[in-house]
Amino acid sequence: MAAQKRPVKKQNARKPAVIKQKQPETNLDALELVIDQLRHAGRIERIDEAVVMAARALAAQVDDKPDNAALWREYRAAEQTLRGISTYADDAFTLLIDQLHAEN
């Protein structure tokens, strides 16, 4: 009588941990994710802290006053400036940031 082979069990086979990121609930939360990823990618440095602080302040204001279109416009410009994709070449925030970078 031939011996039957037993199936081989995997020892301590583990699936990689899946890290679920919490969905942002506010504009400030979403901006923090952007800032974190930009820092990780090396696209934000300490010299950019004024822009980061301005964007955070605007995000908090938009969260407090979501009906204010002017705040939304400035927040969007600040967030796009952080990511380096500003489409508002003539808005006051972008012009100010460009002048600050030109002085360095």
PDB file of N, CA and C in Angstrom:
ATOM      1  N   MET A   1       0.833  -1.163   0.000  1.00  0.00           N
ATOM      2  CA  MET A   1       0.000   0.000   0.000  1.00  0.00           C
ATOM      3  C   MET A   1       0.890   1.242   0.000  1.00  0.00           C
ATOM      4  N   ALA A   2       0.657   2.111  -0.928  1.00  0.00           N
ATOM      5  CA  ALA A   2       1.475   3.321  -1.055  1.00  0.00           C
ATOM      6  C   ALA A   2       0.993   4.372  -0.056  1.00  0.00           C
ATOM      7  N   ALA A   3       1.943   5.019   0.540  1.00  0.00           N
ATOM      8  CA  ALA A   3       1.600   6.058   1.511  1.00  0.00           C
ATOM      9  C   ALA A   3       1.088   7.296   0.779  1.00  0.00           C
ATOM     10  N   GLN A   4       0.046   7.878   1.318  1.00  0.00           N
ATOM     11  CA  GLN A   4      -0.500   9.090   0.712  1.00  0.00           C
ATOM     12  C   GLN A   4       0.275  10.301   1.228  1.00  0.00           C
ATOM     13  N   LYS A   5       0.535  11.216   0.302  1.00  0.00           N
ATOM     14  CA  LYS A   5       1.233  12.433   0.705  1.00  0.00           C
ATOM     15  C   LYS A   5       0.239  13.418   1.296  1.00  0.00           C
ATOM     16  N   ARG A   6       0.651  14.032   2.347  1.00  0.00           N
ATOM     17  CA  ARG A   6      -0.181  15.053   2.966  1.00  0.00           C
ATOM     18  C   ARG A   6       0.121  16.405   2.320  1.00  0.00           C
ATOM     19  N   PRO A   7      -0.893  17.229   2.185  1.00  0.00           N
ATOM     20  CA  PRO A   7      -0.632  18.562   1.628  1.00  0.00           C
ATOM     21  C   PRO A   7       0.278  19.354   2.568  1.00  0.00           C
ATOM     22  N   VAL A   8       1.168  20.096   1.968  1.00  0.00           N
ATOM     23  CA  VAL A   8       2.106  20.902   2.757  1.00  0.00           C
ATOM     24  C   VAL A   8       1.412  22.185   3.192  1.00  0.00           C
ATOM     25  N   LYS A   9       1.454  22.444   4.475  1.00  0.00           N
ATOM     26  CA  LYS A   9       0.882  23.673   5.011  1.00  0.00           C
ATOM     27  C   LYS A   9       1.951  24.748   5.028  1.00  0.00           C
ATOM     28  N   LYS A  10       1.544  25.952   4.654  1.00  0.00           N
ATOM     29  CA  LYS A  10       2.478  27.066   4.714  1.00  0.00           C
ATOM     30  C   LYS A  10       2.635  27.478   6.169  1.00  0.00           C
ATOM     31  N   GLN A  11       3.849  27.623   6.572  1.00  0.00           N
ATOM     32  CA  GLN A  11       4.130  28.007   7.948  1.00  0.00           C
ATOM     33  C   GLN A  11       4.084  29.538   8.077  1.00  0.00           C
ATOM     34  N   ASN A  12       3.246  29.990   8.948  1.00  0.00           N
ATOM     35  CA  ASN A  12       3.163  31.410   9.271  1.00  0.00           C
ATOM     36  C   ASN A  12       3.060  32.319   8.042  1.00  0.00           C
ATOM     37  N   ALA A  13       2.295  31.918   7.087  1.00  0.00           N
ATOM     38  CA  ALA A  13       2.102  32.767   5.913  1.00  0.00           C
ATOM     39  C   ALA A  13       1.254  33.964   6.319  1.00  0.00           C
ATOM     40  N   ARG A  14       1.788  35.137   6.084  1.00  0.00           N
ATOM     41  CA  ARG A  14       1.081  36.364   6.457  1.00  0.00           C
ATOM     42  C   ARG A  14       0.884  37.232   5.231  1.00  0.00           C
ATOM     43  N   LYS A  15      -0.260  37.805   5.179  1.00  0.00           N
ATOM     44  CA  LYS A  15      -0.511  38.774   4.127  1.00  0.00           C
ATOM     45  C   LYS A  15       0.077  40.108   4.585  1.00  0.00           C
ATOM     46  N   PRO A  16       0.556  40.901   3.630  1.00  0.00           N
ATOM     47  CA  PRO A  16       1.063  42.205   4.036  1.00  0.00           C
ATOM     48  C   PRO A  16      -0.055  43.030   4.657  1.00  0.00           C
ATOM     49  N   ALA A  17       0.302  43.797   5.646  1.00  0.00           N
ATOM     50  CA  ALA A  17      -0.678  44.633   6.329  1.00  0.00           C
ATOM     51  C   ALA A  17      -1.198  45.700   5.377  1.00  0.00           C
ATOM     52  N   VAL A  18      -2.478  45.886   5.368  1.00  0.00           N
ATOM     53  CA  VAL A  18      -3.100  46.922   4.560  1.00  0.00           C
ATOM     54  C   VAL A  18      -3.400  48.090   5.479  1.00  0.00           C
ATOM     55  N   ILE A  19      -2.806  49.199   5.151  1.00  0.00           N
ATOM     56  CA  ILE A  19      -3.018  50.393   5.973  1.00  0.00           C
ATOM     57  C   ILE A  19      -4.106  51.226   5.317  1.00  0.00           C
ATOM     58  N   LYS A  20      -5.197  51.346   6.016  1.00  0.00           N
ATOM     59  CA  LYS A  20      -6.298  52.153   5.497  1.00  0.00           C
ATOM     60  C   LYS A  20      -6.119  53.576   6.002  1.00  0.00           C
ATOM     61  N   GLN A  21      -6.063  54.486   5.047  1.00  0.00           N
ATOM     62  CA  GLN A  21      -5.978  55.885   5.443  1.00  0.00           C
ATOM     63  C   GLN A  21      -7.387  56.426   5.609  1.00  0.00           C
ATOM     64  N   LYS A  22      -7.543  57.166   6.647  1.00  0.00           N
ATOM     65  CA  LYS A  22      -8.831  57.765   6.944  1.00  0.00           C
ATOM     66  C   LYS A  22      -9.124  58.857   5.916  1.00  0.00           C
ATOM     67  N   GLN A  23     -10.353  58.872   5.443  1.00  0.00           N
ATOM     68  CA  GLN A  23     -10.759  59.908   4.510  1.00  0.00           C
ATOM     69  C   GLN A  23     -10.749  61.252   5.237  1.00  0.00           C
ATOM     70  N   PRO A  24     -10.195  62.274   4.605  1.00  0.00           N
ATOM     71  CA  PRO A  24     -10.207  63.590   5.262  1.00  0.00           C
ATOM     72  C   PRO A  24     -11.639  64.099   5.415  1.00  0.00           C
ATOM     73  N   GLU A  25     -11.899  64.725   6.538  1.00  0.00           N
ATOM     74  CA  GLU A  25     -13.238  65.242   6.813  1.00  0.00           C
ATOM     75  C   GLU A  25     -13.326  66.742   6.625  1.00  0.00           C
ATOM     76  N   THR A  26     -12.175  67.407   6.593  1.00  0.00           N
ATOM     77  CA  THR A  26     -12.158  68.850   6.427  1.00  0.00           C
ATOM     78  C   THR A  26     -11.124  69.215   5.365  1.00  0.00           C
ATOM     79  N   ASN A  27     -11.195  70.453   4.920  1.00  0.00           N
ATOM     80  CA  ASN A  27     -10.188  70.937   3.972  1.00  0.00           C
ATOM     81  C   ASN A  27      -8.811  70.949   4.621  1.00  0.00           C
ATOM     82  N   LEU A  28      -8.756  71.263   5.904  1.00  0.00           N
ATOM     83  CA  LEU A  28      -7.479  71.264   6.602  1.00  0.00           C
ATOM     84  C   LEU A  28      -6.900  69.855   6.661  1.00  0.00           C
ATOM     85  N   ASP A  29      -7.736  68.850   6.915  1.00  0.00           N
ATOM     86  CA  ASP A  29      -7.270  67.457   6.903  1.00  0.00           C
ATOM     87  C   ASP A  29      -6.724  67.079   5.531  1.00  0.00           C
ATOM     88  N   ALA A  30      -7.450  67.445   4.488  1.00  0.00           N
ATOM     89  CA  ALA A  30      -7.024  67.124   3.124  1.00  0.00           C
ATOM     90  C   ALA A  30      -5.715  67.828   2.792  1.00  0.00           C
ATOM     91  N   LEU A  31      -5.590  69.075   3.207  1.00  0.00           N
ATOM     92  CA  LEU A  31      -4.359  69.818   2.950  1.00  0.00           C
ATOM     93  C   LEU A  31      -3.180  69.184   3.682  1.00  0.00           C
ATOM     94  N   GLU A  32      -3.403  68.705   4.901  1.00  0.00           N
ATOM     95  CA  GLU A  32      -2.329  68.047   5.646  1.00  0.00           C
ATOM     96  C   GLU A  32      -1.827  66.805   4.903  1.00  0.00           C
ATOM     97  N   LEU A  33      -2.739  66.071   4.257  1.00  0.00           N
ATOM     98  CA  LEU A  33      -2.321  64.921   3.444  1.00  0.00           C
ATOM     99  C   LEU A  33      -1.449  65.372   2.273  1.00  0.00           C
ATOM    100  N   VAL A  34      -1.849  66.458   1.626  1.00  0.00           N
ATOM    101  CA  VAL A  34      -1.061  66.999   0.507  1.00  0.00           C
ATOM    102  C   VAL A  34       0.316  67.414   0.994  1.00  0.00           C
ATOM    103  N   ILE A  35       0.362  68.149   2.096  1.00  0.00           N
ATOM    104  CA  ILE A  35       1.633  68.623   2.643  1.00  0.00           C
ATOM    105  C   ILE A  35       2.528  67.438   3.011  1.00  0.00           C
ATOM    106  N   ASP A  36       1.944  66.436   3.665  1.00  0.00           N
ATOM    107  CA  ASP A  36       2.712  65.249   4.056  1.00  0.00           C
ATOM    108  C   ASP A  36       3.323  64.558   2.842  1.00  0.00           C
ATOM    109  N   GLN A  37       2.533  64.378   1.799  1.00  0.00           N
ATOM    110  CA  GLN A  37       3.031  63.706   0.599  1.00  0.00           C
ATOM    111  C   GLN A  37       4.084  64.549  -0.123  1.00  0.00           C
ATOM    112  N   LEU A  38       3.886  65.858  -0.158  1.00  0.00           N
ATOM    113  CA  LEU A  38       4.868  66.726  -0.795  1.00  0.00           C
ATOM    114  C   LEU A  38       6.186  66.737  -0.023  1.00  0.00           C
ATOM    115  N   ARG A  39       6.104  66.727   1.310  1.00  0.00           N
ATOM    116  CA  ARG A  39       7.326  66.643   2.125  1.00  0.00           C
ATOM    117  C   ARG A  39       8.044  65.319   1.861  1.00  0.00           C
ATOM    118  N   HIS A  40       7.267  64.244   1.827  1.00  0.00           N
ATOM    119  CA  HIS A  40       7.833  62.910   1.587  1.00  0.00           C
ATOM    120  C   HIS A  40       8.523  62.849   0.220  1.00  0.00           C
ATOM    121  N   ALA A  41       7.970  63.535  -0.756  1.00  0.00           N
ATOM    122  CA  ALA A  41       8.538  63.549  -2.101  1.00  0.00           C
ATOM    123  C   ALA A  41       9.681  64.558  -2.232  1.00  0.00           C
ATOM    124  N   GLY A  42       9.934  65.313  -1.167  1.00  0.00           N
ATOM    125  CA  GLY A  42      11.011  66.306  -1.208  1.00  0.00           C
ATOM    126  C   GLY A  42      10.655  67.572  -1.960  1.00  0.00           C
ATOM    127  N   ARG A  43       9.356  67.815  -2.132  1.00  0.00           N
ATOM    128  CA  ARG A  43       8.929  68.995  -2.883  1.00  0.00           C
ATOM    129  C   ARG A  43       8.594  70.180  -1.995  1.00  0.00           C
ATOM    130  N   ILE A  44       8.576  69.974  -0.682  1.00  0.00           N
ATOM    131  CA  ILE A  44       8.409  71.077   0.273  1.00  0.00           C
ATOM    132  C   ILE A  44       9.597  71.027   1.224  1.00  0.00           C
ATOM    133  N   GLU A  45      10.221  72.177   1.387  1.00  0.00           N
ATOM    134  CA  GLU A  45      11.369  72.285   2.284  1.00  0.00           C
ATOM    135  C   GLU A  45      11.074  73.334   3.350  1.00  0.00           C
ATOM    136  N   ARG A  46      11.994  73.498   4.266  1.00  0.00           N
ATOM    137  CA  ARG A  46      11.781  74.457   5.357  1.00  0.00           C
ATOM    138  C   ARG A  46      11.577  75.879   4.834  1.00  0.00           C
ATOM    139  N   ILE A  47      12.174  76.204   3.723  1.00  0.00           N
ATOM    140  CA  ILE A  47      12.023  77.547   3.171  1.00  0.00           C
ATOM    141  C   ILE A  47      10.592  77.820   2.722  1.00  0.00           C
ATOM    142  N   ASP A  48       9.810  76.775   2.551  1.00  0.00           N
ATOM    143  CA  ASP A  48       8.428  76.905   2.096  1.00  0.00           C
ATOM    144  C   ASP A  48       7.431  77.047   3.237  1.00  0.00           C
ATOM    145  N   GLU A  49       7.896  77.179   4.459  1.00  0.00           N
ATOM    146  CA  GLU A  49       6.992  77.189   5.617  1.00  0.00           C
ATOM    147  C   GLU A  49       5.986  78.329   5.589  1.00  0.00           C
ATOM    148  N   ALA A  50       6.347  79.483   5.047  1.00  0.00           N
ATOM    149  CA  ALA A  50       5.390  80.595   4.978  1.00  0.00           C
ATOM    150  C   ALA A  50       4.209  80.224   4.080  1.00  0.00           C
ATOM    151  N   VAL A  51       4.500  79.569   2.979  1.00  0.00           N
ATOM    152  CA  VAL A  51       3.436  79.128   2.068  1.00  0.00           C
ATOM    153  C   VAL A  51       2.582  78.060   2.744  1.00  0.00           C
ATOM    154  N   VAL A  52       3.228  77.138   3.440  1.00  0.00           N
ATOM    155  CA  VAL A  52       2.510  76.073   4.143  1.00  0.00           C
ATOM    156  C   VAL A  52       1.587  76.677   5.207  1.00  0.00           C
ATOM    157  N   MET A  53       2.096  77.625   5.975  1.00  0.00           N
ATOM    158  CA  MET A  53       1.287  78.247   7.028  1.00  0.00           C
ATOM    159  C   MET A  53       0.109  79.020   6.438  1.00  0.00           C
ATOM    160  N   ALA A  54       0.347  79.736   5.347  1.00  0.00           N
ATOM    161  CA  ALA A  54      -0.738  80.485   4.703  1.00  0.00           C
ATOM    162  C   ALA A  54      -1.811  79.539   4.185  1.00  0.00           C
ATOM    163  N   ALA A  55      -1.384  78.444   3.572  1.00  0.00           N
ATOM    164  CA  ALA A  55      -2.349  77.468   3.052  1.00  0.00           C
ATOM    165  C   ALA A  55      -3.154  76.851   4.194  1.00  0.00           C
ATOM    166  N   ARG A  56      -2.494  76.535   5.305  1.00  0.00           N
ATOM    167  CA  ARG A  56      -3.208  75.971   6.464  1.00  0.00           C
ATOM    168  C   ARG A  56      -4.235  76.956   7.005  1.00  0.00           C
ATOM    169  N   ALA A  57      -3.840  78.213   7.119  1.00  0.00           N
ATOM    170  CA  ALA A  57      -4.759  79.238   7.633  1.00  0.00           C
ATOM    171  C   ALA A  57      -5.964  79.381   6.709  1.00  0.00           C
ATOM    172  N   LEU A  58      -5.723  79.381   5.409  1.00  0.00           N
ATOM    173  CA  LEU A  58      -6.829  79.492   4.463  1.00  0.00           C
ATOM    174  C   LEU A  58      -7.732  78.265   4.508  1.00  0.00           C
ATOM    175  N   ALA A  59      -7.156  77.072   4.644  1.00  0.00           N
ATOM    176  CA  ALA A  59      -7.966  75.852   4.745  1.00  0.00           C
ATOM    177  C   ALA A  59      -8.869  75.909   5.972  1.00  0.00           C
ATOM    178  N   ALA A  60      -8.328  76.369   7.089  1.00  0.00           N
ATOM    179  CA  ALA A  60      -9.127  76.476   8.309  1.00  0.00           C
ATOM    180  C   ALA A  60     -10.250  77.504   8.134  1.00  0.00           C
ATOM    181  N   GLN A  61      -9.953  78.619   7.464  1.00  0.00           N
ATOM    182  CA  GLN A  61     -10.974  79.638   7.222  1.00  0.00           C
ATOM    183  C   GLN A  61     -12.083  79.106   6.310  1.00  0.00           C
ATOM    184  N   VAL A  62     -11.699  78.358   5.278  1.00  0.00           N
ATOM    185  CA  VAL A  62     -12.697  77.777   4.377  1.00  0.00           C
ATOM    186  C   VAL A  62     -13.576  76.781   5.133  1.00  0.00           C
ATOM    187  N   ASP A  63     -12.969  76.014   6.033  1.00  0.00           N
ATOM    188  CA  ASP A  63     -13.762  75.084   6.844  1.00  0.00           C
ATOM    189  C   ASP A  63     -14.761  75.835   7.719  1.00  0.00           C
ATOM    190  N   ASP A  64     -14.352  76.988   8.243  1.00  0.00           N
ATOM    191  CA  ASP A  64     -15.241  77.789   9.098  1.00  0.00           C
ATOM    192  C   ASP A  64     -16.308  78.534   8.304  1.00  0.00           C
ATOM    193  N   LYS A  65     -15.959  78.961   7.081  1.00  0.00           N
ATOM    194  CA  LYS A  65     -16.883  79.769   6.264  1.00  0.00           C
ATOM    195  C   LYS A  65     -16.956  79.198   4.851  1.00  0.00           C
ATOM    196  N   PRO A  66     -17.579  78.029   4.696  1.00  0.00           N
ATOM    197  CA  PRO A  66     -17.579  77.358   3.393  1.00  0.00           C
ATOM    198  C   PRO A  66     -18.349  78.095   2.296  1.00  0.00           C
ATOM    199  N   ASP A  67     -19.147  79.094   2.649  1.00  0.00           N
ATOM    200  CA  ASP A  67     -19.909  79.838   1.647  1.00  0.00           C
ATOM    201  C   ASP A  67     -19.143  81.029   1.081  1.00  0.00           C
ATOM    202  N   ASN A  68     -17.945  81.288   1.579  1.00  0.00           N
ATOM    203  CA  ASN A  68     -17.177  82.453   1.149  1.00  0.00           C
ATOM    204  C   ASN A  68     -16.338  82.108  -0.092  1.00  0.00           C
ATOM    205  N   ALA A  69     -16.800  82.573  -1.246  1.00  0.00           N
ATOM    206  CA  ALA A  69     -16.132  82.261  -2.519  1.00  0.00           C
ATOM    207  C   ALA A  69     -14.726  82.843  -2.588  1.00  0.00           C
ATOM    208  N   ALA A  70     -14.511  84.014  -2.002  1.00  0.00           N
ATOM    209  CA  ALA A  70     -13.174  84.632  -2.034  1.00  0.00           C
ATOM    210  C   ALA A  70     -12.166  83.777  -1.267  1.00  0.00           C
ATOM    211  N   LEU A  71     -12.594  83.249  -0.121  1.00  0.00           N
ATOM    212  CA  LEU A  71     -11.704  82.366   0.640  1.00  0.00           C
ATOM    213  C   LEU A  71     -11.396  81.101  -0.143  1.00  0.00           C
ATOM    214  N   TRP A  72     -12.391  80.520  -0.798  1.00  0.00           N
ATOM    215  CA  TRP A  72     -12.169  79.330  -1.615  1.00  0.00           C
ATOM    216  C   TRP A  72     -11.158  79.606  -2.716  1.00  0.00           C
ATOM    217  N   ARG A  73     -11.292  80.751  -3.375  1.00  0.00           N
ATOM    218  CA  ARG A  73     -10.385  81.105  -4.463  1.00  0.00           C
ATOM    219  C   ARG A  73      -8.946  81.200  -3.960  1.00  0.00           C
ATOM    220  N   GLU A  74      -8.766  81.858  -2.833  1.00  0.00           N
ATOM    221  CA  GLU A  74      -7.416  82.002  -2.272  1.00  0.00           C
ATOM    222  C   GLU A  74      -6.871  80.666  -1.763  1.00  0.00           C
ATOM    223  N   TYR A  75      -7.739  79.859  -1.164  1.00  0.00           N
ATOM    224  CA  TYR A  75      -7.313  78.534  -0.691  1.00  0.00           C
ATOM    225  C   TYR A  75      -6.870  77.668  -1.859  1.00  0.00           C
ATOM    226  N   ARG A  76      -7.660  77.654  -2.923  1.00  0.00           N
ATOM    227  CA  ARG A  76      -7.293  76.857  -4.097  1.00  0.00           C
ATOM    228  C   ARG A  76      -5.964  77.326  -4.681  1.00  0.00           C
ATOM    229  N   ALA A  77      -5.767  78.629  -4.726  1.00  0.00           N
ATOM    230  CA  ALA A  77      -4.509  79.159  -5.256  1.00  0.00           C
ATOM    231  C   ALA A  77      -3.337  78.747  -4.365  1.00  0.00           C
ATOM    232  N   ALA A  78      -3.534  78.787  -3.050  1.00  0.00           N
ATOM    233  CA  ALA A  78      -2.466  78.405  -2.119  1.00  0.00           C
ATOM    234  C   ALA A  78      -2.132  76.921  -2.257  1.00  0.00           C
ATOM    235  N   GLU A  79      -3.159  76.093  -2.356  1.00  0.00           N
ATOM    236  CA  GLU A  79      -2.936  74.650  -2.485  1.00  0.00           C
ATOM    237  C   GLU A  79      -2.230  74.334  -3.804  1.00  0.00           C
ATOM    238  N   GLN A  80      -2.628  74.993  -4.867  1.00  0.00           N
ATOM    239  CA  GLN A  80      -1.986  74.771  -6.159  1.00  0.00           C
ATOM    240  C   GLN A  80      -0.557  75.293  -6.168  1.00  0.00           C
ATOM    241  N   THR A  81      -0.322  76.378  -5.469  1.00  0.00           N
ATOM    242  CA  THR A  81       1.041  76.896  -5.352  1.00  0.00           C
ATOM    243  C   THR A  81       1.929  75.887  -4.637  1.00  0.00           C
ATOM    244  N   LEU A  82       1.398  75.285  -3.573  1.00  0.00           N
ATOM    245  CA  LEU A  82       2.159  74.254  -2.861  1.00  0.00           C
ATOM    246  C   LEU A  82       2.545  73.115  -3.788  1.00  0.00           C
ATOM    247  N   ARG A  83       1.598  72.703  -4.609  1.00  0.00           N
ATOM    248  CA  ARG A  83       1.863  71.592  -5.507  1.00  0.00           C
ATOM    249  C   ARG A  83       2.608  72.021  -6.767  1.00  0.00           C
ATOM    250  N   GLY A  84       2.796  73.330  -6.938  1.00  0.00           N
ATOM    251  CA  GLY A  84       3.560  73.814  -8.080  1.00  0.00           C
ATOM    252  C   GLY A  84       2.816  73.761  -9.389  1.00  0.00           C
ATOM    253  N   ILE A  85       1.488  73.837  -9.338  1.00  0.00           N
ATOM    254  CA  ILE A  85       0.711  73.800 -10.569  1.00  0.00           C
ATOM    255  C   ILE A  85      -0.229  74.983 -10.665  1.00  0.00           C
ATOM    256  N   SER A  86       0.178  76.110 -10.209  1.00  0.00           N
ATOM    257  CA  SER A  86      -0.711  77.264 -10.191  1.00  0.00           C
ATOM    258  C   SER A  86      -1.226  77.590 -11.585  1.00  0.00           C
ATOM    259  N   THR A  87      -2.535  77.753 -11.675  1.00  0.00           N
ATOM    260  CA  THR A  87      -3.152  78.171 -12.937  1.00  0.00           C
ATOM    261  C   THR A  87      -3.571  79.634 -12.863  1.00  0.00           C
ATOM    262  N   TYR A  88      -3.318  80.231 -11.728  1.00  0.00           N
ATOM    263  CA  TYR A  88      -3.682  81.626 -11.531  1.00  0.00           C
ATOM    264  C   TYR A  88      -2.413  82.473 -11.542  1.00  0.00           C
ATOM    265  N   ALA A  89      -1.841  82.651 -12.707  1.00  0.00           N
ATOM    266  CA  ALA A  89      -0.555  83.339 -12.810  1.00  0.00           C
ATOM    267  C   ALA A  89      -0.641  84.793 -12.374  1.00  0.00           C
ATOM    268  N   ASP A  90      -1.822  85.359 -12.361  1.00  0.00           N
ATOM    269  CA  ASP A  90      -1.940  86.770 -12.008  1.00  0.00           C
ATOM    270  C   ASP A  90      -2.660  87.015 -10.691  1.00  0.00           C
ATOM    271  N   ASP A  91      -2.937  85.959  -9.895  1.00  0.00           N
ATOM    272  CA  ASP A  91      -3.598  86.210  -8.624  1.00  0.00           C
ATOM    273  C   ASP A  91      -2.592  86.744  -7.604  1.00  0.00           C
ATOM    274  N   ALA A  92      -3.095  87.450  -6.622  1.00  0.00           N
ATOM    275  CA  ALA A  92      -2.231  88.140  -5.655  1.00  0.00           C
ATOM    276  C   ALA A  92      -1.355  87.165  -4.883  1.00  0.00           C
ATOM    277  N   PHE A  93      -1.902  86.031  -4.482  1.00  0.00           N
ATOM    278  CA  PHE A  93      -1.126  85.070  -3.695  1.00  0.00           C
ATOM    279  C   PHE A  93       0.050  84.526  -4.506  1.00  0.00           C
ATOM    280  N   THR A  94      -0.213  84.126  -5.745  1.00  0.00           N
ATOM    281  CA  THR A  94       0.849  83.578  -6.590  1.00  0.00           C
ATOM    282  C   THR A  94       1.913  84.630  -6.873  1.00  0.00           C
ATOM    283  N   LEU A  95       1.485  85.858  -7.133  1.00  0.00           N
ATOM    284  CA  LEU A  95       2.456  86.933  -7.382  1.00  0.00           C
ATOM    285  C   LEU A  95       3.334  87.181  -6.152  1.00  0.00           C
ATOM    286  N   LEU A  96       2.719  87.167  -4.974  1.00  0.00           N
ATOM    287  CA  LEU A  96       3.483  87.360  -3.742  1.00  0.00           C
ATOM    288  C   LEU A  96       4.502  86.247  -3.546  1.00  0.00           C
ATOM    289  N   ILE A  97       4.080  85.010  -3.729  1.00  0.00           N
ATOM    290  CA  ILE A  97       4.984  83.877  -3.563  1.00  0.00           C
ATOM    291  C   ILE A  97       6.114  83.946  -4.583  1.00  0.00           C
ATOM    292  N   ASP A  98       5.794  84.291  -5.827  1.00  0.00           N
ATOM    293  CA  ASP A  98       6.829  84.421  -6.852  1.00  0.00           C
ATOM    294  C   ASP A  98       7.846  85.491  -6.474  1.00  0.00           C
ATOM    295  N   GLN A  99       7.360  86.608  -5.913  1.00  0.00           N
ATOM    296  CA  GLN A  99       8.282  87.674  -5.495  1.00  0.00           C
ATOM    297  C   GLN A  99       9.166  87.203  -4.343  1.00  0.00           C
ATOM    298  N   LEU A 100       8.595  86.466  -3.400  1.00  0.00           N
ATOM    299  CA  LEU A 100       9.386  85.960  -2.272  1.00  0.00           C
ATOM    300  C   LEU A 100      10.467  84.994  -2.744  1.00  0.00           C
ATOM    301  N   HIS A 101      10.125  84.126  -3.680  1.00  0.00           N
ATOM    302  CA  HIS A 101      11.115  83.182  -4.207  1.00  0.00           C
ATOM    303  C   HIS A 101      12.175  83.899  -5.028  1.00  0.00           C
ATOM    304  N   ALA A 102      11.810  84.971  -5.722  1.00  0.00           N
ATOM    305  CA  ALA A 102      12.775  85.709  -6.537  1.00  0.00           C
ATOM    306  C   ALA A 102      13.814  86.404  -5.677  1.00  0.00           C
ATOM    307  N   GLU A 103      13.438  86.769  -4.454  1.00  0.00           N
ATOM    308  CA  GLU A 103      14.358  87.473  -3.561  1.00  0.00           C
ATOM    309  C   GLU A 103      15.415  86.529  -2.988  1.00  0.00           C
ATOM    310  N   ASN A 104      15.177  85.237  -3.008  1.00  0.00           N
ATOM    311  CA  ASN A 104      16.125  84.269  -2.430  1.00  0.00           C
ATOM    312  C   ASN A 104      17.204  83.916  -3.375  1.00  0.00           C
TER     313      ASN A 104
END
